[in-house]
C-alpha atoms as a PDB file:
ATOM      1  CA  MET A   1     -16.024 206.382 -88.649  1.00  0.00           C
ATOM      2  CA  ASP A   2     -15.253 203.021 -86.904  1.00  0.00           C
ATOM      3  CA  ASN A   3     -18.700 200.634 -86.676  1.00  0.00           C
ATOM      4  CA  LEU A   4     -18.465 200.348 -83.125  1.00  0.00           C
ATOM      5  CA  THR A   5     -19.054 204.059 -83.231  1.00  0.00           C
ATOM      6  CA  HIS A   6     -21.973 203.399 -85.645  1.00  0.00           C
ATOM      7  CA  SER A   7     -23.578 201.143 -83.764  1.00  0.00           C
ATOM      8  CA  LEU A   8     -23.382 202.595 -80.507  1.00  0.00           C
ATOM      9  CA  THR A   9     -25.048 205.096 -81.978  1.00  0.00           C
ATOM     10  CA  GLY A  10     -27.936 202.880 -83.253  1.00  0.00           C
ATOM     11  CA  LEU A  11     -28.357 201.454 -79.581  1.00  0.00           C
ATOM     12  CA  ALA A  12     -28.814 205.600 -78.198  1.00  0.00           C
ATOM     13  CA  LEU A  13     -31.110 206.788 -80.575  1.00  0.00           C
ATOM     14  CA  ALA A  14     -33.475 203.122 -79.946  1.00  0.00           C
ATOM     15  CA  ARG A  15     -33.169 203.743 -76.392  1.00  0.00           C
ATOM     16  CA  MET A  16     -34.266 207.485 -76.676  1.00  0.00           C
ATOM     17  CA  GLY A  17     -37.577 206.252 -77.791  1.00  0.00           C
ATOM     18  CA  LEU A  18     -37.347 204.816 -81.353  1.00  0.00           C
ATOM     19  CA  ASN A  19     -37.187 201.363 -79.608  1.00  0.00           C
ATOM     20  CA  ARG A  20     -41.619 201.859 -78.778  1.00  0.00           C
ATOM     21  CA  ILE A  21     -42.065 201.934 -82.599  1.00  0.00           C
ATOM     22  CA  SER A  22     -41.524 198.301 -83.505  1.00  0.00           C
ATOM     23  CA  PRO A  23     -40.717 195.006 -82.284  1.00  0.00           C
ATOM     24  CA  ARG A  24     -37.116 194.359 -82.777  1.00  0.00           C
ATOM     25  CA  ALA A  25     -36.557 197.743 -82.548  1.00  0.00           C
ATOM     26  CA  THR A  26     -33.262 197.987 -81.160  1.00  0.00           C
ATOM     27  CA  LEU A  27     -31.621 195.421 -83.476  1.00  0.00           C
ATOM     28  CA  LEU A  28     -33.259 197.094 -86.436  1.00  0.00           C
ATOM     29  CA  MET A  29     -31.504 200.780 -85.328  1.00  0.00           C
ATOM     30  CA  VAL A  30     -28.140 199.093 -84.580  1.00  0.00           C
ATOM     31  CA  LEU A  31     -27.930 196.890 -87.440  1.00  0.00           C
ATOM     32  CA  SER A  32     -29.281 199.736 -89.489  1.00  0.00           C
ATOM     33  CA  ALA A  33     -26.601 202.042 -88.484  1.00  0.00           C
ATOM     34  CA  ASN A  34     -23.973 199.675 -89.624  1.00  0.00           C
ATOM     35  CA  ALA A  35     -26.061 198.384 -92.989  1.00  0.00           C
ATOM     36  CA  PRO A  36     -23.831 200.955 -95.307  1.00  0.00           C
ATOM     37  CA  ASP A  37     -20.471 199.104 -94.580  1.00  0.00           C
ATOM     38  CA  ILE A  38     -22.090 196.168 -96.592  1.00  0.00           C
ATOM     39  CA  ASP A  39     -20.064 197.458 -99.639  1.00  0.00           C
ATOM     40  CA  ALA A  40     -16.928 195.695 -96.926  1.00  0.00           C
ATOM     41  CA  VAL A  41     -17.951 192.560 -99.164  1.00  0.00           C
ATOM     42  CA  SER A  42     -16.311 194.003-102.153  1.00  0.00           C
ATOM     43  CA  LEU A  43     -12.997 193.103-100.276  1.00  0.00           C
ATOM     44  CA  ALA A  44     -13.499 189.698-101.922  1.00  0.00           C
ATOM     45  CA  GLY A  45     -12.223 191.417-105.155  1.00  0.00           C
ATOM     46  CA  GLY A  46      -9.381 192.805-103.515  1.00  0.00           C
ATOM     47  CA  GLN A  47      -8.269 195.804-101.953  1.00  0.00           C
ATOM     48  CA  LEU A  48      -8.520 198.022-105.005  1.00  0.00           C
ATOM     49  CA  LYS A  49     -12.250 197.204-105.657  1.00  0.00           C
ATOM     50  CA  ASN A  50     -13.289 197.525-102.153  1.00  0.00           C
ATOM     51  CA  PHE A  51     -11.520 201.223-102.307  1.00  0.00           C
ATOM     52  CA  GLU A  52     -13.422 202.002-105.528  1.00  0.00           C
ATOM     53  CA  ILE A  53     -16.749 200.644-104.160  1.00  0.00           C
ATOM     54  CA  HIS A  54     -16.564 201.765-100.639  1.00  0.00           C
ATOM     55  CA  ARG A  55     -19.147 204.667 -99.357  1.00  0.00           C
ATOM     56  CA  GLY A  56     -20.412 204.777-102.654  1.00  0.00           C
ATOM     57  CA  TYR A  57     -23.899 203.393-103.656  1.00  0.00           C
ATOM     58  CA  THR A  58     -24.421 202.413-100.102  1.00  0.00           C
ATOM     59  CA  HIS A  59     -23.550 205.453 -98.747  1.00  0.00           C
ATOM     60  CA  SER A  60     -25.660 207.487-101.322  1.00  0.00           C
ATOM     61  CA  LEU A  61     -29.601 209.093-100.977  1.00  0.00           C
ATOM     62  CA  ILE A  62     -30.924 206.795-103.521  1.00  0.00           C
ATOM     63  CA  GLY A  63     -29.336 203.967-101.803  1.00  0.00           C
ATOM     64  CA  LEU A  64     -31.035 204.251 -98.398  1.00  0.00           C
ATOM     65  CA  PRO A  65     -34.376 203.175 -98.829  1.00  0.00           C
ATOM     66  CA  PHE A  66     -33.003 200.187-100.477  1.00  0.00           C
ATOM     67  CA  VAL A  67     -29.876 199.366 -97.644  1.00  0.00           C
ATOM     68  CA  ALA A  68     -32.887 200.303 -95.148  1.00  0.00           C
ATOM     69  CA  ALA A  69     -35.032 197.289 -96.454  1.00  0.00           C
ATOM     70  CA  LEU A  70     -32.216 194.778 -96.638  1.00  0.00           C
ATOM     71  CA  ALA A  71     -31.740 195.210 -92.708  1.00  0.00           C
ATOM     72  CA  VAL A  72     -35.418 194.938 -92.177  1.00  0.00           C
ATOM     73  CA  ILE A  73     -35.282 191.800 -93.941  1.00  0.00           C
ATOM     74  CA  VAL A  74     -31.938 190.239 -92.184  1.00  0.00           C
ATOM     75  CA  VAL A  75     -34.164 191.189 -88.889  1.00  0.00           C
ATOM     76  CA  ALA A  76     -36.527 189.479 -89.950  1.00  0.00           C
ATOM     77  CA  ALA A  77     -35.293 186.280 -91.184  1.00  0.00           C
ATOM     78  CA  ILE A  78     -32.896 186.270 -88.212  1.00  0.00           C
ATOM     79  CA  HIS A  79     -36.178 185.729 -85.547  1.00  0.00           C
ATOM     80  CA  ARG A  80     -38.243 183.904 -88.352  1.00  0.00           C
ATOM     81  CA  GLU A  81     -41.413 186.457 -87.806  1.00  0.00           C
ATOM     82  CA  LYS A  82     -43.289 188.932 -89.693  1.00  0.00           C
ATOM     83  CA  LEU A  83     -42.699 192.529 -88.596  1.00  0.00           C
ATOM     84  CA  PRO A  84     -44.265 195.653 -89.200  1.00  0.00           C
ATOM     85  CA  TRP A  85     -43.023 196.514 -92.469  1.00  0.00           C
ATOM     86  CA  LEU A  86     -43.498 200.401 -92.602  1.00  0.00           C
ATOM     87  CA  ARG A  87     -42.509 201.107 -89.115  1.00  0.00           C
ATOM     88  CA  ALA A  88     -39.498 198.866 -89.461  1.00  0.00           C
ATOM     89  CA  TRP A  89     -37.989 200.314 -92.735  1.00  0.00           C
ATOM     90  CA  LEU A  90     -38.762 203.842 -91.284  1.00  0.00           C
ATOM     91  CA  LEU A  91     -36.787 203.078 -88.434  1.00  0.00           C
ATOM     92  CA  CYS A  92     -33.798 201.548 -90.528  1.00  0.00           C
ATOM     93  CA  CYS A  93     -34.334 204.639 -92.663  1.00  0.00           C
ATOM     94  CA  VAL A  94     -33.273 206.884 -89.732  1.00  0.00           C
ATOM     95  CA  GLY A  95     -30.172 204.336 -88.843  1.00  0.00           C
ATOM     96  CA  VAL A  96     -28.947 204.131 -92.022  1.00  0.00           C
ATOM     97  CA  ALA A  97     -29.134 208.149 -92.205  1.00  0.00           C
ATOM     98  CA  SER A  98     -27.036 208.136 -88.899  1.00  0.00           C
ATOM     99  CA  HIS A  99     -24.560 206.258 -90.302  1.00  0.00           C
ATOM    100  CA  ASN A 100     -23.936 208.810 -93.536  1.00  0.00           C
ATOM    101  CA  LEU A 101     -24.137 211.652 -91.570  1.00  0.00           C
ATOM    102  CA  ILE A 102     -21.278 210.440 -89.216  1.00  0.00           C
ATOM    103  CA  ASP A 103     -19.200 209.588 -92.427  1.00  0.00           C
ATOM    104  CA  TRP A 104     -20.513 213.532 -93.814  1.00  0.00           C
ATOM    105  CA  THR A 105     -18.347 214.375 -90.975  1.00  0.00           C
ATOM    106  CA  ASN A 106     -15.149 213.102 -91.749  1.00  0.00           C
ATOM    107  CA  ALA A 107     -12.214 213.566 -93.797  1.00  0.00           C
ATOM    108  CA  TYR A 108     -13.042 210.405 -96.042  1.00  0.00           C
ATOM    109  CA  GLY A 109     -16.319 211.780 -96.856  1.00  0.00           C
ATOM    110  CA  VAL A 110     -19.058 209.808 -98.876  1.00  0.00           C
ATOM    111  CA  ARG A 111     -20.942 210.280-102.334  1.00  0.00           C
ATOM    112  CA  LEU A 112     -24.239 211.211-101.438  1.00  0.00           C
ATOM    113  CA  LEU A 113     -25.642 212.032-104.626  1.00  0.00           C
ATOM    114  CA  LEU A 114     -24.196 209.080-106.893  1.00  0.00           C
ATOM    115  CA  PRO A 115     -25.422 208.427-109.782  1.00  0.00           C
ATOM    116  CA  PHE A 116     -26.143 211.621-110.607  1.00  0.00           C
ATOM    117  CA  SER A 117     -22.919 213.172-109.431  1.00  0.00           C
ATOM    118  CA  SER A 118     -19.511 211.761-107.999  1.00  0.00           C
ATOM    119  CA  ARG A 119     -18.411 214.524-105.726  1.00  0.00           C
ATOM    120  CA  TRP A 120     -17.069 213.454-102.105  1.00  0.00           C
ATOM    121  CA  PHE A 121     -18.968 215.310 -99.602  1.00  0.00           C
ATOM    122  CA  HIS A 122     -16.536 215.400 -96.122  1.00  0.00           C
ATOM    123  CA  LEU A 123     -17.142 218.390 -93.490  1.00  0.00           C
ATOM    124  CA  ASP A 124     -13.759 217.300 -92.095  1.00  0.00           C
ATOM    125  CA  LEU A 125     -14.741 217.085 -88.211  1.00  0.00           C
ATOM    126  CA  ASN A 126     -14.568 213.648 -86.941  1.00  0.00           C
ATOM    127  CA  SER A 127     -11.574 211.555 -87.251  1.00  0.00           C
ATOM    128  CA  LEU A 128     -12.315 208.156 -88.516  1.00  0.00           C
ATOM    129  CA  PHE A 129     -12.031 207.529 -85.020  1.00  0.00           C
ATOM    130  CA  ASP A 130     -12.878 209.720 -82.029  1.00  0.00           C
ATOM    131  CA  LEU A 131     -11.956 209.027 -78.832  1.00  0.00           C
ATOM    132  CA  TYR A 132     -14.345 211.365 -76.756  1.00  0.00           C
ATOM    133  CA  ILE A 133     -17.463 210.394 -78.452  1.00  0.00           C
ATOM    134  CA  LEU A 134     -16.728 206.887 -78.159  1.00  0.00           C
ATOM    135  CA  ALA A 135     -16.534 207.676 -74.602  1.00  0.00           C
ATOM    136  CA  ALA A 136     -19.794 209.010 -74.192  1.00  0.00           C
ATOM    137  CA  LEU A 137     -21.506 206.782 -76.137  1.00  0.00           C
ATOM    138  CA  VAL A 138     -19.966 203.928 -74.425  1.00  0.00           C
ATOM    139  CA  LEU A 139     -21.385 205.581 -71.514  1.00  0.00           C
ATOM    140  CA  ALA A 140     -24.905 205.638 -72.511  1.00  0.00           C
ATOM    141  CA  ALA A 141     -24.518 202.044 -73.693  1.00  0.00           C
ATOM    142  CA  VAL A 142     -23.350 200.583 -70.558  1.00  0.00           C
ATOM    143  CA  TRP A 143     -25.336 202.881 -68.383  1.00  0.00           C
ATOM    144  CA  PRO A 144     -28.345 200.980 -67.884  1.00  0.00           C
ATOM    145  CA  ALA A 145     -26.540 197.843 -66.629  1.00  0.00           C
ATOM    146  CA  PHE A 146     -25.115 199.782 -63.999  1.00  0.00           C
ATOM    147  CA  SER A 147     -28.322 201.166 -62.965  1.00  0.00           C
ATOM    148  CA  ARG A 148     -29.873 197.881 -62.446  1.00  0.00           C
ATOM    149  CA  LEU A 149     -26.995 196.374 -60.380  1.00  0.00           C
ATOM    150  CA  VAL A 150     -27.066 199.844 -58.127  1.00  0.00           C
ATOM    151  CA  SER A 151     -31.337 199.274 -58.237  1.00  0.00           C
ATOM    152  CA  ARG A 152     -31.206 195.859 -56.943  1.00  0.00           C
ATOM    153  CA  GLU A 153     -28.751 197.273 -53.631  1.00  0.00           C
ATOM    154  CA  ILE A 154     -30.938 199.809 -52.873  1.00  0.00           C
ATOM    155  CA  GLY A 155     -34.481 198.688 -53.632  1.00  0.00           C
ATOM    156  CA  ASP A 156     -35.254 201.715 -55.916  1.00  0.00           C
ATOM    157  CA  LYS A 157     -36.427 201.661 -59.799  1.00  0.00           C
ATOM    158  CA  ALA A 158     -33.648 200.915 -62.337  1.00  0.00           C
ATOM    159  CA  SER A 159     -33.131 203.445 -65.389  1.00  0.00           C
ATOM    160  CA  ALA A 160     -33.992 202.524 -68.916  1.00  0.00           C
ATOM    161  CA  GLY A 161     -31.631 204.535 -70.145  1.00  0.00           C
ATOM    162  CA  ARG A 162     -33.521 206.800 -72.502  1.00  0.00           C
ATOM    163  CA  GLY A 163     -31.789 209.990 -70.489  1.00  0.00           C
ATOM    164  CA  ILE A 164     -28.520 209.097 -70.467  1.00  0.00           C
ATOM    165  CA  ALA A 165     -29.038 208.159 -74.254  1.00  0.00           C
ATOM    166  CA  ILE A 166     -30.488 211.324 -75.013  1.00  0.00           C
ATOM    167  CA  SER A 167     -27.616 213.116 -73.083  1.00  0.00           C
ATOM    168  CA  ALA A 168     -24.787 211.149 -75.202  1.00  0.00           C
ATOM    169  CA  LEU A 169     -26.109 212.099 -78.180  1.00  0.00           C
ATOM    170  CA  ALA A 170     -26.387 216.107 -77.168  1.00  0.00           C
ATOM    171  CA  PHE A 171     -23.109 215.609 -76.784  1.00  0.00           C
ATOM    172  CA  PHE A 172     -22.235 214.009 -79.914  1.00  0.00           C
ATOM    173  CA  LEU A 173     -24.403 217.117 -81.507  1.00  0.00           C
ATOM    174  CA  LEU A 174     -22.641 219.925 -79.571  1.00  0.00           C
ATOM    175  CA  PHE A 175     -18.976 218.013 -79.536  1.00  0.00           C
ATOM    176  CA  ASP A 176     -19.727 218.510 -83.523  1.00  0.00           C
ATOM    177  CA  CYS A 177     -20.968 222.372 -83.577  1.00  0.00           C
ATOM    178  CA  ALA A 178     -17.908 222.968 -80.973  1.00  0.00           C
ATOM    179  CA  ARG A 179     -15.601 221.541 -83.636  1.00  0.00           C
ATOM    180  CA  ALA A 180     -17.190 223.399 -86.715  1.00  0.00           C
ATOM    181  CA  VAL A 181     -16.556 226.347 -85.001  1.00  0.00           C
ATOM    182  CA  LEU A 182     -12.733 225.534 -84.135  1.00  0.00           C
ATOM    183  CA  HIS A 183     -12.501 224.138 -87.578  1.00  0.00           C
ATOM    184  CA  SER A 184     -13.542 227.196 -89.779  1.00  0.00           C
ATOM    185  CA  ARG A 185     -11.369 229.617 -87.476  1.00  0.00           C
ATOM    186  CA  VAL A 186      -8.320 227.252 -88.317  1.00  0.00           C
ATOM    187  CA  ILE A 187      -9.490 227.430 -92.488  1.00  0.00           C
ATOM    188  CA  ALA A 188      -9.477 231.109 -91.373  1.00  0.00           C
ATOM    189  CA  GLN A 189      -5.880 231.423 -90.568  1.00  0.00           C
ATOM    190  CA  LEU A 190      -4.765 228.971 -93.737  1.00  0.00           C
ATOM    191  CA  GLN A 191      -6.424 230.882 -96.127  1.00  0.00           C
ATOM    192  CA  SER A 192      -4.922 234.737 -95.037  1.00  0.00           C
ATOM    193  CA  ARG A 193      -1.560 233.082 -95.139  1.00  0.00           C
ATOM    194  CA  LEU A 194       0.716 233.354 -97.781  1.00  0.00           C
ATOM    195  CA  TYR A 195       3.063 230.582 -97.531  1.00  0.00           C
ATOM    196  CA  GLU A 196       6.762 231.313 -99.633  1.00  0.00           C
ATOM    197  CA  ASN A 197       5.088 234.068-101.052  1.00  0.00           C
ATOM    198  CA  GLN A 198       2.334 232.116-102.019  1.00  0.00           C
ATOM    199  CA  PRO A 199      -1.347 232.350-101.685  1.00  0.00           C
ATOM    200  CA  PRO A 200      -3.194 229.076-100.880  1.00  0.00           C
ATOM    201  CA  LEU A 201      -4.779 227.281-103.355  1.00  0.00           C
ATOM    202  CA  GLN A 202      -6.903 225.427-101.297  1.00  0.00           C
ATOM    203  CA  ALA A 203      -6.726 224.390 -97.653  1.00  0.00           C
ATOM    204  CA  ALA A 204      -7.773 221.514 -95.237  1.00  0.00           C
ATOM    205  CA  ALA A 205      -8.081 221.417 -91.158  1.00  0.00           C
ATOM    206  CA  LEU A 206      -8.369 218.002 -89.961  1.00  0.00           C
ATOM    207  CA  PRO A 207      -9.302 217.161 -86.984  1.00  0.00           C
ATOM    208  CA  ASP A 208      -7.024 214.974 -84.232  1.00  0.00           C
ATOM    209  CA  PRO A 209      -9.108 212.044 -82.228  1.00  0.00           C
ATOM    210  CA  TYR A 210      -7.703 212.781 -79.303  1.00  0.00           C
ATOM    211  CA  THR A 211      -7.158 215.794 -78.674  1.00  0.00           C
ATOM    212  CA  PRO A 212      -9.685 218.854 -79.906  1.00  0.00           C
ATOM    213  CA  VAL A 213      -7.893 221.567 -80.339  1.00  0.00           C
ATOM    214  CA  ARG A 214      -5.059 220.095 -82.118  1.00  0.00           C
ATOM    215  CA  TRP A 215      -5.691 219.760 -85.794  1.00  0.00           C
ATOM    216  CA  ARG A 216      -3.566 218.657 -88.882  1.00  0.00           C
ATOM    217  CA  GLY A 217      -3.424 222.020 -91.433  1.00  0.00           C
ATOM    218  CA  VAL A 218      -2.994 220.860 -95.450  1.00  0.00           C
ATOM    219  CA  VAL A 219      -2.357 223.991 -97.611  1.00  0.00           C
ATOM    220  CA  GLU A 220      -2.336 223.686-101.232  1.00  0.00           C
ATOM    221  CA  THR A 221       0.299 226.518-103.186  1.00  0.00           C
ATOM    222  CA  PRO A 222       1.127 226.978-106.741  1.00  0.00           C
ATOM    223  CA  SER A 223       4.267 224.897-105.848  1.00  0.00           C
ATOM    224  CA  ALA A 224       3.657 222.857-103.215  1.00  0.00           C
ATOM    225  CA  TYR A 225       1.844 220.857-100.508  1.00  0.00           C
ATOM    226  CA  ARG A 226       2.342 222.117 -96.938  1.00  0.00           C
ATOM    227  CA  LEU A 227       1.580 219.596 -93.839  1.00  0.00           C
ATOM    228  CA  MET A 228       1.193 221.281 -90.242  1.00  0.00           C
ATOM    229  CA  SER A 229       0.348 220.509 -86.322  1.00  0.00           C
ATOM    230  CA  ILE A 230      -2.248 223.257 -85.540  1.00  0.00           C
ATOM    231  CA  ASN A 231      -3.675 224.692 -82.281  1.00  0.00           C
ATOM    232  CA  ALA A 232      -6.689 225.942 -82.888  1.00  0.00           C
ATOM    233  CA  LEU A 233      -6.852 228.629 -79.548  1.00  0.00           C
ATOM    234  CA  ALA A 234      -3.257 229.912 -80.961  1.00  0.00           C
ATOM    235  CA  ASP A 235      -1.809 232.075 -83.863  1.00  0.00           C
ATOM    236  CA  LEU A 236      -0.988 230.108 -86.966  1.00  0.00           C
ATOM    237  CA  ILE A 237       2.770 230.207 -87.877  1.00  0.00           C
ATOM    238  CA  PRO A 238       3.129 229.508 -91.615  1.00  0.00           C
ATOM    239  CA  GLU A 239       6.553 228.884 -92.035  1.00  0.00           C
ATOM    240  CA  GLY A 240       6.354 225.398 -89.605  1.00  0.00           C
ATOM    241  CA  GLY A 241       5.453 222.232 -91.156  1.00  0.00           C
ATOM    242  CA  GLN A 242       6.521 219.513 -93.753  1.00  0.00           C
ATOM    243  CA  ILE A 243       6.273 220.649 -97.064  1.00  0.00           C
ATOM    244  CA  PHE A 244       6.078 218.496-100.124  1.00  0.00           C
ATOM    245  CA  PHE A 245       6.773 220.302-103.986  1.00  0.00           C
ATOM    246  CA  LYS A 246       5.279 219.448-106.592  1.00  0.00           C
ATOM    247  CA  PRO A 247       6.794 217.512-109.379  1.00  0.00           C
ATOM    248  CA  VAL A 248       7.829 218.834-113.560  1.00  0.00           C
ATOM    249  CA  PRO A 249       5.634 216.494-115.480  1.00  0.00           C
ATOM    250  CA  ARG A 250       7.779 213.424-116.165  1.00  0.00           C
ATOM    251  CA  PRO A 251       6.998 210.424-118.321  1.00  0.00           C
ATOM    252  CA  SER A 252       7.216 208.253-115.500  1.00  0.00           C
ATOM    253  CA  PHE A 253       4.429 209.940-113.773  1.00  0.00           C
ATOM    254  CA  GLN A 254       2.076 209.965-116.432  1.00  0.00           C
ATOM    255  CA  ASN A 255       2.281 206.549-117.579  1.00  0.00           C
ATOM    256  CA  ALA A 256       1.345 205.446-113.667  1.00  0.00           C
ATOM    257  CA  LYS A 257      -1.629 207.714-114.112  1.00  0.00           C
ATOM    258  CA  GLU A 258      -2.655 205.744-116.996  1.00  0.00           C
ATOM    259  CA  THR A 259      -3.006 202.640-114.352  1.00  0.00           C
ATOM    260  CA  GLU A 260      -6.465 201.708-113.137  1.00  0.00           C
ATOM    261  CA  ALA A 261      -4.923 202.150-109.505  1.00  0.00           C
ATOM    262  CA  PHE A 262      -3.717 205.408-109.807  1.00  0.00           C
ATOM    263  CA  ARG A 263      -6.967 206.782-111.806  1.00  0.00           C
ATOM    264  CA  TYR A 264      -9.286 206.054-109.142  1.00  0.00           C
ATOM    265  CA  PHE A 265      -6.988 207.445-106.242  1.00  0.00           C
ATOM    266  CA  LEU A 266      -6.425 210.704-108.315  1.00  0.00           C
ATOM    267  CA  TYR A 267     -10.316 211.096-108.158  1.00  0.00           C
ATOM    268  CA  PHE A 268     -10.441 210.255-104.680  1.00  0.00           C
ATOM    269  CA  SER A 269      -7.472 212.462-103.678  1.00  0.00           C
ATOM    270  CA  ARG A 270      -7.426 215.983-102.139  1.00  0.00           C
ATOM    271  CA  PHE A 271      -3.719 216.693-101.727  1.00  0.00           C
ATOM    272  CA  PRO A 272      -2.027 213.932-104.264  1.00  0.00           C
ATOM    273  CA  VAL A 273       1.538 214.018-103.093  1.00  0.00           C
ATOM    274  CA  TRP A 274       4.035 212.381-105.891  1.00  0.00           C
ATOM    275  CA  SER A 275       7.411 210.438-104.808  1.00  0.00           C
ATOM    276  CA  GLU A 276      10.131 208.269-106.381  1.00  0.00           C
ATOM    277  CA  GLU A 277      13.236 206.170-105.902  1.00  0.00           C
ATOM    278  CA  PRO A 278      15.223 204.375-108.139  1.00  0.00           C
ATOM    279  CA  VAL A 279      15.106 200.589-107.699  1.00  0.00           C
ATOM    280  CA  THR A 280      17.007 197.817-108.975  1.00  0.00           C
ATOM    281  CA  MET A 281      15.454 194.852-110.522  1.00  0.00           C
ATOM    282  CA  ASP A 282      16.163 191.737-112.733  1.00  0.00           C
ATOM    283  CA  GLN A 283      15.983 193.749-115.905  1.00  0.00           C
ATOM    284  CA  GLY A 284      17.754 196.060-114.939  1.00  0.00           C
ATOM    285  CA  SER A 285      17.330 199.913-113.126  1.00  0.00           C
ATOM    286  CA  GLY A 286      14.070 201.086-112.384  1.00  0.00           C
ATOM    287  CA  THR A 287      11.664 203.617-110.749  1.00  0.00           C
ATOM    288  CA  ARG A 288       9.373 202.856-107.875  1.00  0.00           C
ATOM    289  CA  ILE A 289       6.641 205.463-107.702  1.00  0.00           C
ATOM    290  CA  ASP A 290       4.266 206.194-104.377  1.00  0.00           C
ATOM    291  CA  LEU A 291       1.115 208.479-104.378  1.00  0.00           C
ATOM    292  CA  VAL A 292      -0.698 209.526-101.114  1.00  0.00           C
ATOM    293  CA  ASP A 293      -3.001 211.845 -99.852  1.00  0.00           C
ATOM    294  CA  LEU A 294      -1.694 213.712 -97.449  1.00  0.00           C
ATOM    295  CA  ARG A 295      -5.305 213.517 -95.367  1.00  0.00           C
ATOM    296  CA  PHE A 296      -3.996 210.344 -94.799  1.00  0.00           C
ATOM    297  CA  GLY A 297      -0.561 209.936 -94.686  1.00  0.00           C
ATOM    298  CA  THR A 298       2.782 211.188 -95.974  1.00  0.00           C
ATOM    299  CA  PRO A 299       5.243 209.244 -98.762  1.00  0.00           C
ATOM    300  CA  GLY A 300       6.076 205.531 -97.255  1.00  0.00           C
ATOM    301  CA  THR A 301       3.662 206.083 -94.084  1.00  0.00           C
ATOM    302  CA  GLY A 302       0.403 206.076 -92.816  1.00  0.00           C
ATOM    303  CA  SER A 303      -2.410 204.534 -95.645  1.00  0.00           C
ATOM    304  CA  LEU A 304      -3.980 204.616 -98.795  1.00  0.00           C
ATOM    305  CA  HIS A 305      -0.819 204.101-101.231  1.00  0.00           C
ATOM    306  CA  CYS A 306      -0.560 203.774-104.480  1.00  0.00           C
ATOM    307  CA  ILE A 307       2.866 201.930-105.736  1.00  0.00           C
ATOM    308  CA  ALA A 308       4.045 201.547-109.389  1.00  0.00           C
ATOM    309  CA  LEU A 309       7.000 199.760-110.758  1.00  0.00           C
ATOM    310  CA  GLU A 310       8.326 200.959-113.860  1.00  0.00           C
ATOM    311  CA  ASN A 311      11.750 200.158-116.208  1.00  0.00           C
ATOM    312  CA  SER A 312      14.050 202.474-117.499  1.00  0.00           C
ATOM    313  CA  HIS A 313      11.795 202.770-120.657  1.00  0.00           C
ATOM    314  CA  PHE A 314       8.786 204.217-118.294  1.00  0.00           C
ATOM    315  CA  GLN A 315       6.742 200.735-118.945  1.00  0.00           C
ATOM    316  CA  VAL A 316       4.897 200.159-115.893  1.00  0.00           C
ATOM    317  CA  LEU A 317       5.650 196.578-114.600  1.00  0.00           C
ATOM    318  CA  GLY A 318       2.899 196.458-111.881  1.00  0.00           C
ATOM    319  CA  SER A 319       1.066 199.098-109.613  1.00  0.00           C
ATOM    320  CA  TRP A 320      -1.089 198.421-106.460  1.00  0.00           C
ATOM    321  CA  PHE A 321      -3.302 200.181-104.157  1.00  0.00           C
ATOM    322  CA  THR A 322      -3.278 199.379-100.688  1.00  0.00           C
ATOM    323  CA  TYR A 323      -4.715 200.356 -97.129  1.00  0.00           C
ATOM    324  CA  GLY A 324      -1.008 200.086 -95.919  1.00  0.00           C
ATOM    325  CA  SER A 325       1.772 202.438 -95.879  1.00  0.00           C
ATOM    326  CA  GLY A 326       2.568 200.567 -98.954  1.00  0.00           C
ATOM    327  CA  ALA A 327       6.496 200.567 -97.544  1.00  0.00           C
ATOM    328  CA  GLN A 328       7.242 197.110 -98.791  1.00  0.00           C
ATOM    329  CA  LEU A 329       5.428 197.219-102.064  1.00  0.00           C
ATOM    330  CA  GLY A 330       7.324 197.951-105.526  1.00  0.00           C
ATOM    331  CA  TRP A 331      11.253 197.183-104.512  1.00  0.00           C
ATOM    332  CA  GLY A 332      11.771 194.685-107.587  1.00  0.00           C
ATOM    333  CA  ARG A 333      14.432 192.649-106.653  1.00  0.00           C
ATOM    334  CA  GLY A 334      16.092 195.080-104.153  1.00  0.00           C
ATOM    335  CA  ARG A 335      13.824 193.778-100.815  1.00  0.00           C
END
């Protein structure tokens, strides 16, 4: 999820009582709750390199103790003091684990078992940003300051924020438990239907960050992918939504698959959709190929796209990965 959510989760964990374990405990918790995203330094090598590294070893179980140790070292260096190593490290292990657990709940997923397995783990319960979870954590973060302000006015003792921190984390847990129930209901509906008289091969239900009962259903059948909006509390209408037919094997797609960007994207993708358009180049006519995962968008929209430009002989002239829509890439001379 977003780093603000991770930071506020670390703050709430500290205020619920973990800040008593070690000096600088609050900073240790907040920093370690973000530490796995240190893989963002790979952006220096470009978007594709970051895409390949992100949510890899720094988010894995084997990497957890090392990332936690790094957080302790950074905090000790910032304050130029010696911390109780074991207690500070255990505290940071909790912070790193909270990050990995939260990332596990969303559709992007994490590779928890590297280097022993490259499998992606994803629960599809939360979006990369969730309004309700963030609101609860923000309230827990600002409540002590508000309490101090009120206490000065009435002469009462201010709250340390322990109760509201526990309440926010409990809300987070119960909210995801409720989401899990709704998710199971949507998946059961998706898997129990036929689509154009074809059974589903796999199905996913992706949460809406603003409406808890609204989900995006993605279904794969032998011939197509279907994307639809679903109300978890209503009956599913299988005829609705957008349909993306699977392409027949083509030399243009096969050559694109052999590029580094497309190879990794196909490993990462759960619902890959291909599209192609003719383009005009200085060398003559060509083809622009777009590959997207329906979890994150559709051809030409959303995020996480691979683009390739090929000439009339199906030779790849260029290929790109982008975190954006890719709408401006691979058009040759035409754009």
